[in-house]
Amino acid sequence: MLENYGFDIIDLGRDVPPEVIVDTAIKENIKLVGLSALMTTTVVSMEETIRQLREKKPDTLVCVGGAVMNQDYADEIGADA
């Protein structure tokens, strides 16, 4: 959907370690990272990814979503949207 609105998308795939996401965000000067969790076990990795992004590339916004995500939990793990 974002591509249809002119965004350039880099799809790193599923079950990507937080370090790979952060390194890619730094290397490519990414301004927005989108994370999706389809299972509750994935949310832990999502929280760690956000923590590392805040530490190493704080100018990057993070948008989260997925079947198990709600606004309260997104706020709790520090997501921007």
PDB file of N, CA and C in Angstrom:
ATOM      1  N   MET A   1       0.805  -1.177   0.000  1.00  0.00           N
ATOM      2  CA  MET A   1       0.000   0.000   0.000  1.00  0.00           C
ATOM      3  C   MET A   1       0.864   1.262   0.000  1.00  0.00           C
ATOM      4  N   LEU A   2       1.909   1.268   0.799  1.00  0.00           N
ATOM      5  CA  LEU A   2       2.771   2.457   0.863  1.00  0.00           C
ATOM      6  C   LEU A   2       3.465   2.735  -0.469  1.00  0.00           C
ATOM      7  N   GLU A   3       3.828   1.675  -1.173  1.00  0.00           N
ATOM      8  CA  GLU A   3       4.430   1.869  -2.496  1.00  0.00           C
ATOM      9  C   GLU A   3       3.480   2.606  -3.425  1.00  0.00           C
ATOM     10  N   ASN A   4       2.198   2.317  -3.323  1.00  0.00           N
ATOM     11  CA  ASN A   4       1.205   2.987  -4.162  1.00  0.00           C
ATOM     12  C   ASN A   4       1.150   4.484  -3.908  1.00  0.00           C
ATOM     13  N   TYR A   5       1.596   4.896  -2.736  1.00  0.00           N
ATOM     14  CA  TYR A   5       1.596   6.315  -2.381  1.00  0.00           C
ATOM     15  C   TYR A   5       2.978   6.950  -2.507  1.00  0.00           C
ATOM     16  N   GLY A   6       3.880   6.280  -3.220  1.00  0.00           N
ATOM     17  CA  GLY A   6       5.167   6.869  -3.546  1.00  0.00           C
ATOM     18  C   GLY A   6       6.292   6.594  -2.569  1.00  0.00           C
ATOM     19  N   PHE A   7       6.074   5.758  -1.563  1.00  0.00           N
ATOM     20  CA  PHE A   7       7.136   5.429  -0.625  1.00  0.00           C
ATOM     21  C   PHE A   7       8.049   4.366  -1.228  1.00  0.00           C
ATOM     22  N   ASP A   8       9.341   4.481  -0.987  1.00  0.00           N
ATOM     23  CA  ASP A   8      10.292   3.430  -1.339  1.00  0.00           C
ATOM     24  C   ASP A   8      10.304   2.426  -0.190  1.00  0.00           C
ATOM     25  N   ILE A   9      10.152   1.156  -0.495  1.00  0.00           N
ATOM     26  CA  ILE A   9      10.033   0.108   0.516  1.00  0.00           C
ATOM     27  C   ILE A   9      11.235  -0.828   0.434  1.00  0.00           C
ATOM     28  N   ILE A  10      11.800  -1.145   1.589  1.00  0.00           N
ATOM     29  CA  ILE A  10      12.814  -2.184   1.698  1.00  0.00           C
ATOM     30  C   ILE A  10      12.210  -3.271   2.576  1.00  0.00           C
ATOM     31  N   ASP A  11      11.898  -4.406   1.987  1.00  0.00           N
ATOM     32  CA  ASP A  11      11.283  -5.510   2.727  1.00  0.00           C
ATOM     33  C   ASP A  11      12.390  -6.468   3.148  1.00  0.00           C
ATOM     34  N   LEU A  12      12.651  -6.527   4.456  1.00  0.00           N
ATOM     35  CA  LEU A  12      13.711  -7.395   4.967  1.00  0.00           C
ATOM     36  C   LEU A  12      13.218  -8.814   5.243  1.00  0.00           C
ATOM     37  N   GLY A  13      11.906  -9.034   5.136  1.00  0.00           N
ATOM     38  CA  GLY A  13      11.378 -10.380   5.321  1.00  0.00           C
ATOM     39  C   GLY A  13      10.848 -10.612   6.720  1.00  0.00           C
ATOM     40  N   ARG A  14      10.693 -11.886   7.046  1.00  0.00           N
ATOM     41  CA  ARG A  14      10.130 -12.293   8.341  1.00  0.00           C
ATOM     42  C   ARG A  14      11.227 -12.697   9.305  1.00  0.00           C
ATOM     43  N   ASP A  15      10.913 -12.564  10.597  1.00  0.00           N
ATOM     44  CA  ASP A  15      11.811 -13.021  11.668  1.00  0.00           C
ATOM     45  C   ASP A  15      13.227 -12.460  11.519  1.00  0.00           C
ATOM     46  N   VAL A  16      13.307 -11.176  11.226  1.00  0.00           N
ATOM     47  CA  VAL A  16      14.595 -10.509  11.035  1.00  0.00           C
ATOM     48  C   VAL A  16      15.114 -10.038  12.391  1.00  0.00           C
ATOM     49  N   PRO A  17      16.362 -10.339  12.728  1.00  0.00           N
ATOM     50  CA  PRO A  17      16.918  -9.891  14.008  1.00  0.00           C
ATOM     51  C   PRO A  17      16.912  -8.361  14.109  1.00  0.00           C
ATOM     52  N   PRO A  18      16.676  -7.841  15.308  1.00  0.00           N
ATOM     53  CA  PRO A  18      16.668  -6.386  15.496  1.00  0.00           C
ATOM     54  C   PRO A  18      17.921  -5.691  14.953  1.00  0.00           C
ATOM     55  N   GLU A  19      19.063  -6.325  15.107  1.00  0.00           N
ATOM     56  CA  GLU A  19      20.316  -5.728  14.654  1.00  0.00           C
ATOM     57  C   GLU A  19      20.332  -5.502  13.147  1.00  0.00           C
ATOM     58  N   VAL A  20      19.746  -6.403  12.402  1.00  0.00           N
ATOM     59  CA  VAL A  20      19.695  -6.269  10.942  1.00  0.00           C
ATOM     60  C   VAL A  20      18.799  -5.086  10.562  1.00  0.00           C
ATOM     61  N   ILE A  21      17.687  -4.954  11.245  1.00  0.00           N
ATOM     62  CA  ILE A  21      16.782  -3.833  10.974  1.00  0.00           C
ATOM     63  C   ILE A  21      17.460  -2.514  11.292  1.00  0.00           C
ATOM     64  N   VAL A  22      18.111  -2.437  12.443  1.00  0.00           N
ATOM     65  CA  VAL A  22      18.790  -1.204  12.854  1.00  0.00           C
ATOM     66  C   VAL A  22      19.948  -0.887  11.911  1.00  0.00           C
ATOM     67  N   ASP A  23      20.751  -1.870  11.583  1.00  0.00           N
ATOM     68  CA  ASP A  23      21.878  -1.642  10.666  1.00  0.00           C
ATOM     69  C   ASP A  23      21.392  -1.159   9.300  1.00  0.00           C
ATOM     70  N   THR A  24      20.302  -1.735   8.812  1.00  0.00           N
ATOM     71  CA  THR A  24      19.743  -1.311   7.531  1.00  0.00           C
ATOM     72  C   THR A  24      19.208   0.112   7.619  1.00  0.00           C
ATOM     73  N   ALA A  25      18.539   0.437   8.712  1.00  0.00           N
ATOM     74  CA  ALA A  25      18.012   1.797   8.899  1.00  0.00           C
ATOM     75  C   ALA A  25      19.142   2.824   8.891  1.00  0.00           C
ATOM     76  N   ILE A  26      20.251   2.485   9.510  1.00  0.00           N
ATOM     77  CA  ILE A  26      21.403   3.391   9.536  1.00  0.00           C
ATOM     78  C   ILE A  26      22.018   3.496   8.147  1.00  0.00           C
ATOM     79  N   LYS A  27      22.301   2.356   7.529  1.00  0.00           N
ATOM     80  CA  LYS A  27      22.966   2.327   6.223  1.00  0.00           C
ATOM     81  C   LYS A  27      22.155   3.048   5.153  1.00  0.00           C
ATOM     82  N   GLU A  28      20.843   2.856   5.152  1.00  0.00           N
ATOM     83  CA  GLU A  28      19.973   3.412   4.110  1.00  0.00           C
ATOM     84  C   GLU A  28      19.340   4.749   4.511  1.00  0.00           C
ATOM     85  N   ASN A  29      19.685   5.250   5.704  1.00  0.00           N
ATOM     86  CA  ASN A  29      19.126   6.494   6.238  1.00  0.00           C
ATOM     87  C   ASN A  29      17.591   6.470   6.216  1.00  0.00           C
ATOM     88  N   ILE A  30      17.047   5.410   6.787  1.00  0.00           N
ATOM     89  CA  ILE A  30      15.605   5.184   6.821  1.00  0.00           C
ATOM     90  C   ILE A  30      14.950   6.149   7.809  1.00  0.00           C
ATOM     91  N   LYS A  31      13.835   6.735   7.411  1.00  0.00           N
ATOM     92  CA  LYS A  31      13.102   7.676   8.268  1.00  0.00           C
ATOM     93  C   LYS A  31      11.905   7.033   8.960  1.00  0.00           C
ATOM     94  N   LEU A  32      11.393   5.908   8.416  1.00  0.00           N
ATOM     95  CA  LEU A  32      10.251   5.218   9.004  1.00  0.00           C
ATOM     96  C   LEU A  32      10.445   3.714   8.879  1.00  0.00           C
ATOM     97  N   VAL A  33      10.357   3.025  10.013  1.00  0.00           N
ATOM     98  CA  VAL A  33      10.436   1.569  10.027  1.00  0.00           C
ATOM     99  C   VAL A  33       9.058   1.040  10.398  1.00  0.00           C
ATOM    100  N   GLY A  34       8.564   0.099   9.603  1.00  0.00           N
ATOM    101  CA  GLY A  34       7.302  -0.555   9.888  1.00  0.00           C
ATOM    102  C   GLY A  34       7.551  -1.966  10.369  1.00  0.00           C
ATOM    103  N   LEU A  35       6.949  -2.318  11.499  1.00  0.00           N
ATOM    104  CA  LEU A  35       7.110  -3.648  12.080  1.00  0.00           C
ATOM    105  C   LEU A  35       5.735  -4.279  12.253  1.00  0.00           C
ATOM    106  N   SER A  36       5.638  -5.580  11.961  1.00  0.00           N
ATOM    107  CA  SER A  36       4.371  -6.275  12.099  1.00  0.00           C
ATOM    108  C   SER A  36       4.566  -7.530  12.935  1.00  0.00           C
ATOM    109  N   ALA A  37       3.630  -7.775  13.841  1.00  0.00           N
ATOM    110  CA  ALA A  37       3.666  -8.971  14.682  1.00  0.00           C
ATOM    111  C   ALA A  37       2.366  -9.740  14.497  1.00  0.00           C
ATOM    112  N   LEU A  38       2.474 -10.941  13.984  1.00  0.00           N
ATOM    113  CA  LEU A  38       1.289 -11.771  13.810  1.00  0.00           C
ATOM    114  C   LEU A  38       1.061 -12.693  15.003  1.00  0.00           C
ATOM    115  N   MET A  39       2.113 -12.871  15.826  1.00  0.00           N
ATOM    116  CA  MET A  39       1.999 -13.723  17.012  1.00  0.00           C
ATOM    117  C   MET A  39       2.579 -12.964  18.203  1.00  0.00           C
ATOM    118  N   THR A  40       2.124 -13.297  19.389  1.00  0.00           N
ATOM    119  CA  THR A  40       2.621 -12.610  20.587  1.00  0.00           C
ATOM    120  C   THR A  40       4.114 -12.827  20.788  1.00  0.00           C
ATOM    121  N   THR A  41       4.659 -13.941  20.325  1.00  0.00           N
ATOM    122  CA  THR A  41       6.095 -14.190  20.495  1.00  0.00           C
ATOM    123  C   THR A  41       6.941 -13.205  19.693  1.00  0.00           C
ATOM    124  N   THR A  42       6.395 -12.659  18.634  1.00  0.00           N
ATOM    125  CA  THR A  42       7.121 -11.702  17.791  1.00  0.00           C
ATOM    126  C   THR A  42       7.210 -10.329  18.432  1.00  0.00           C
ATOM    127  N   VAL A  43       6.292 -10.012  19.329  1.00  0.00           N
ATOM    128  CA  VAL A  43       6.230  -8.684  19.928  1.00  0.00           C
ATOM    129  C   VAL A  43       7.482  -8.383  20.751  1.00  0.00           C
ATOM    130  N   VAL A  44       8.064  -9.376  21.384  1.00  0.00           N
ATOM    131  CA  VAL A  44       9.278  -9.177  22.176  1.00  0.00           C
ATOM    132  C   VAL A  44      10.406  -8.655  21.292  1.00  0.00           C
ATOM    133  N   SER A  45      10.557  -9.233  20.117  1.00  0.00           N
ATOM    134  CA  SER A  45      11.565  -8.779  19.166  1.00  0.00           C
ATOM    135  C   SER A  45      11.263  -7.361  18.699  1.00  0.00           C
ATOM    136  N   MET A  46       9.992  -7.047  18.528  1.00  0.00           N
ATOM    137  CA  MET A  46       9.575  -5.719  18.112  1.00  0.00           C
ATOM    138  C   MET A  46      10.011  -4.679  19.150  1.00  0.00           C
ATOM    139  N   GLU A  47       9.793  -4.983  20.412  1.00  0.00           N
ATOM    140  CA  GLU A  47      10.182  -4.070  21.494  1.00  0.00           C
ATOM    141  C   GLU A  47      11.695  -3.857  21.505  1.00  0.00           C
ATOM    142  N   GLU A  48      12.463  -4.909  21.313  1.00  0.00           N
ATOM    143  CA  GLU A  48      13.923  -4.794  21.283  1.00  0.00           C
ATOM    144  C   GLU A  48      14.379  -3.989  20.080  1.00  0.00           C
ATOM    145  N   THR A  49      13.731  -4.170  18.940  1.00  0.00           N
ATOM    146  CA  THR A  49      14.069  -3.402  17.741  1.00  0.00           C
ATOM    147  C   THR A  49      13.856  -1.911  17.992  1.00  0.00           C
ATOM    148  N   ILE A  50      12.739  -1.558  18.606  1.00  0.00           N
ATOM    149  CA  ILE A  50      12.461  -0.153  18.904  1.00  0.00           C
ATOM    150  C   ILE A  50      13.508   0.399  19.874  1.00  0.00           C
ATOM    151  N   ARG A  51      13.846  -0.369  20.899  1.00  0.00           N
ATOM    152  CA  ARG A  51      14.860   0.075  21.864  1.00  0.00           C
ATOM    153  C   ARG A  51      16.185   0.377  21.165  1.00  0.00           C
ATOM    154  N   GLN A  52      16.609  -0.531  20.278  1.00  0.00           N
ATOM    155  CA  GLN A  52      17.877  -0.330  19.568  1.00  0.00           C
ATOM    156  C   GLN A  52      17.807   0.850  18.605  1.00  0.00           C
ATOM    157  N   LEU A  53      16.677   1.019  17.936  1.00  0.00           N
ATOM    158  CA  LEU A  53      16.529   2.171  17.041  1.00  0.00           C
ATOM    159  C   LEU A  53      16.600   3.473  17.816  1.00  0.00           C
ATOM    160  N   ARG A  54      15.965   3.543  18.967  1.00  0.00           N
ATOM    161  CA  ARG A  54      15.995   4.763  19.788  1.00  0.00           C
ATOM    162  C   ARG A  54      17.426   5.097  20.212  1.00  0.00           C
ATOM    163  N   GLU A  55      18.199   4.058  20.464  1.00  0.00           N
ATOM    164  CA  GLU A  55      19.581   4.236  20.905  1.00  0.00           C
ATOM    165  C   GLU A  55      20.512   4.618  19.753  1.00  0.00           C
ATOM    166  N   LYS A  56      20.387   3.935  18.622  1.00  0.00           N
ATOM    167  CA  LYS A  56      21.362   4.073  17.543  1.00  0.00           C
ATOM    168  C   LYS A  56      20.925   4.973  16.396  1.00  0.00           C
ATOM    169  N   LYS A  57      19.615   5.176  16.214  1.00  0.00           N
ATOM    170  CA  LYS A  57      19.112   6.043  15.141  1.00  0.00           C
ATOM    171  C   LYS A  57      17.809   6.696  15.601  1.00  0.00           C
ATOM    172  N   PRO A  58      17.936   7.603  16.555  1.00  0.00           N
ATOM    173  CA  PRO A  58      16.742   8.168  17.207  1.00  0.00           C
ATOM    174  C   PRO A  58      15.850   9.019  16.304  1.00  0.00           C
ATOM    175  N   ASP A  59      16.331   9.380  15.125  1.00  0.00           N
ATOM    176  CA  ASP A  59      15.497  10.188  14.218  1.00  0.00           C
ATOM    177  C   ASP A  59      14.539   9.339  13.375  1.00  0.00           C
ATOM    178  N   THR A  60      14.561   8.026  13.568  1.00  0.00           N
ATOM    179  CA  THR A  60      13.696   7.122  12.813  1.00  0.00           C
ATOM    180  C   THR A  60      12.385   6.886  13.559  1.00  0.00           C
ATOM    181  N   LEU A  61      11.275   7.052  12.858  1.00  0.00           N
ATOM    182  CA  LEU A  61       9.964   6.764  13.424  1.00  0.00           C
ATOM    183  C   LEU A  61       9.655   5.282  13.250  1.00  0.00           C
ATOM    184  N   VAL A  62       8.840   4.743  14.151  1.00  0.00           N
ATOM    185  CA  VAL A  62       8.480   3.330  14.098  1.00  0.00           C
ATOM    186  C   VAL A  62       6.962   3.192  14.126  1.00  0.00           C
ATOM    187  N   CYS A  63       6.448   2.479  13.122  1.00  0.00           N
ATOM    188  CA  CYS A  63       5.016   2.180  13.023  1.00  0.00           C
ATOM    189  C   CYS A  63       4.860   0.675  13.213  1.00  0.00           C
ATOM    190  N   VAL A  64       3.982   0.276  14.144  1.00  0.00           N
ATOM    191  CA  VAL A  64       3.788  -1.147  14.414  1.00  0.00           C
ATOM    192  C   VAL A  64       2.351  -1.556  14.121  1.00  0.00           C
ATOM    193  N   GLY A  65       2.185  -2.826  13.834  1.00  0.00           N
ATOM    194  CA  GLY A  65       0.856  -3.349  13.585  1.00  0.00           C
ATOM    195  C   GLY A  65       0.887  -4.861  13.604  1.00  0.00           C
ATOM    196  N   GLY A  66      -0.259  -5.447  13.380  1.00  0.00           N
ATOM    197  CA  GLY A  66      -0.369  -6.893  13.338  1.00  0.00           C
ATOM    198  C   GLY A  66      -1.545  -7.378  14.146  1.00  0.00           C
ATOM    199  N   ALA A  67      -1.792  -8.646  14.045  1.00  0.00           N
ATOM    200  CA  ALA A  67      -2.979  -9.246  14.651  1.00  0.00           C
ATOM    201  C   ALA A  67      -3.030  -9.072  16.162  1.00  0.00           C
ATOM    202  N   VAL A  68      -1.892  -9.095  16.821  1.00  0.00           N
ATOM    203  CA  VAL A  68      -1.878  -9.036  18.290  1.00  0.00           C
ATOM    204  C   VAL A  68      -1.625  -7.628  18.830  1.00  0.00           C
ATOM    205  N   MET A  69      -1.485  -6.649  17.967  1.00  0.00           N
ATOM    206  CA  MET A  69      -1.113  -5.303  18.403  1.00  0.00           C
ATOM    207  C   MET A  69      -2.347  -4.459  18.678  1.00  0.00           C
ATOM    208  N   ASN A  70      -2.273  -3.667  19.744  1.00  0.00           N
ATOM    209  CA  ASN A  70      -3.292  -2.659  20.011  1.00  0.00           C
ATOM    210  C   ASN A  70      -2.574  -1.367  20.414  1.00  0.00           C
ATOM    211  N   GLN A  71      -3.309  -0.276  20.501  1.00  0.00           N
ATOM    212  CA  GLN A  71      -2.698   1.023  20.768  1.00  0.00           C
ATOM    213  C   GLN A  71      -1.991   1.062  22.125  1.00  0.00           C
ATOM    214  N   ASP A  72      -2.586   0.452  23.140  1.00  0.00           N
ATOM    215  CA  ASP A  72      -1.959   0.460  24.460  1.00  0.00           C
ATOM    216  C   ASP A  72      -0.589  -0.214  24.433  1.00  0.00           C
ATOM    217  N   TYR A  73      -0.517  -1.360  23.766  1.00  0.00           N
ATOM    218  CA  TYR A  73       0.770  -2.064  23.717  1.00  0.00           C
ATOM    219  C   TYR A  73       1.770  -1.323  22.829  1.00  0.00           C
ATOM    220  N   ALA A  74       1.300  -0.741  21.748  1.00  0.00           N
ATOM    221  CA  ALA A  74       2.186   0.060  20.892  1.00  0.00           C
ATOM    222  C   ALA A  74       2.788   1.201  21.697  1.00  0.00           C
ATOM    223  N   ASP A  75       1.987   1.852  22.515  1.00  0.00           N
ATOM    224  CA  ASP A  75       2.485   2.920  23.371  1.00  0.00           C
ATOM    225  C   ASP A  75       3.484   2.391  24.392  1.00  0.00           C
ATOM    226  N   GLU A  76       3.193   1.231  24.960  1.00  0.00           N
ATOM    227  CA  GLU A  76       4.047   0.639  25.981  1.00  0.00           C
ATOM    228  C   GLU A  76       5.446   0.319  25.457  1.00  0.00           C
ATOM    229  N   ILE A  77       5.547  -0.144  24.204  1.00  0.00           N
ATOM    230  CA  ILE A  77       6.864  -0.504  23.674  1.00  0.00           C
ATOM    231  C   ILE A  77       7.548   0.653  22.979  1.00  0.00           C
ATOM    232  N   GLY A  78       6.907   1.829  22.950  1.00  0.00           N
ATOM    233  CA  GLY A  78       7.564   3.024  22.446  1.00  0.00           C
ATOM    234  C   GLY A  78       7.400   3.292  20.971  1.00  0.00           C
ATOM    235  N   ALA A  79       6.415   2.688  20.334  1.00  0.00           N
ATOM    236  CA  ALA A  79       6.182   2.935  18.914  1.00  0.00           C
ATOM    237  C   ALA A  79       5.605   4.340  18.716  1.00  0.00           C
ATOM    238  N   ASP A  80       5.862   4.908  17.549  1.00  0.00           N
ATOM    239  CA  ASP A  80       5.319   6.227  17.222  1.00  0.00           C
ATOM    240  C   ASP A  80       3.903   6.146  16.675  1.00  0.00           C
ATOM    241  N   ALA A  81       3.571   5.024  16.071  1.00  0.00           N
ATOM    242  CA  ALA A  81       2.219   4.860  15.495  1.00  0.00           C
ATOM    243  C   ALA A  81       1.861   3.397  15.478  1.00  0.00           C
TER     244      ALA A  81
END
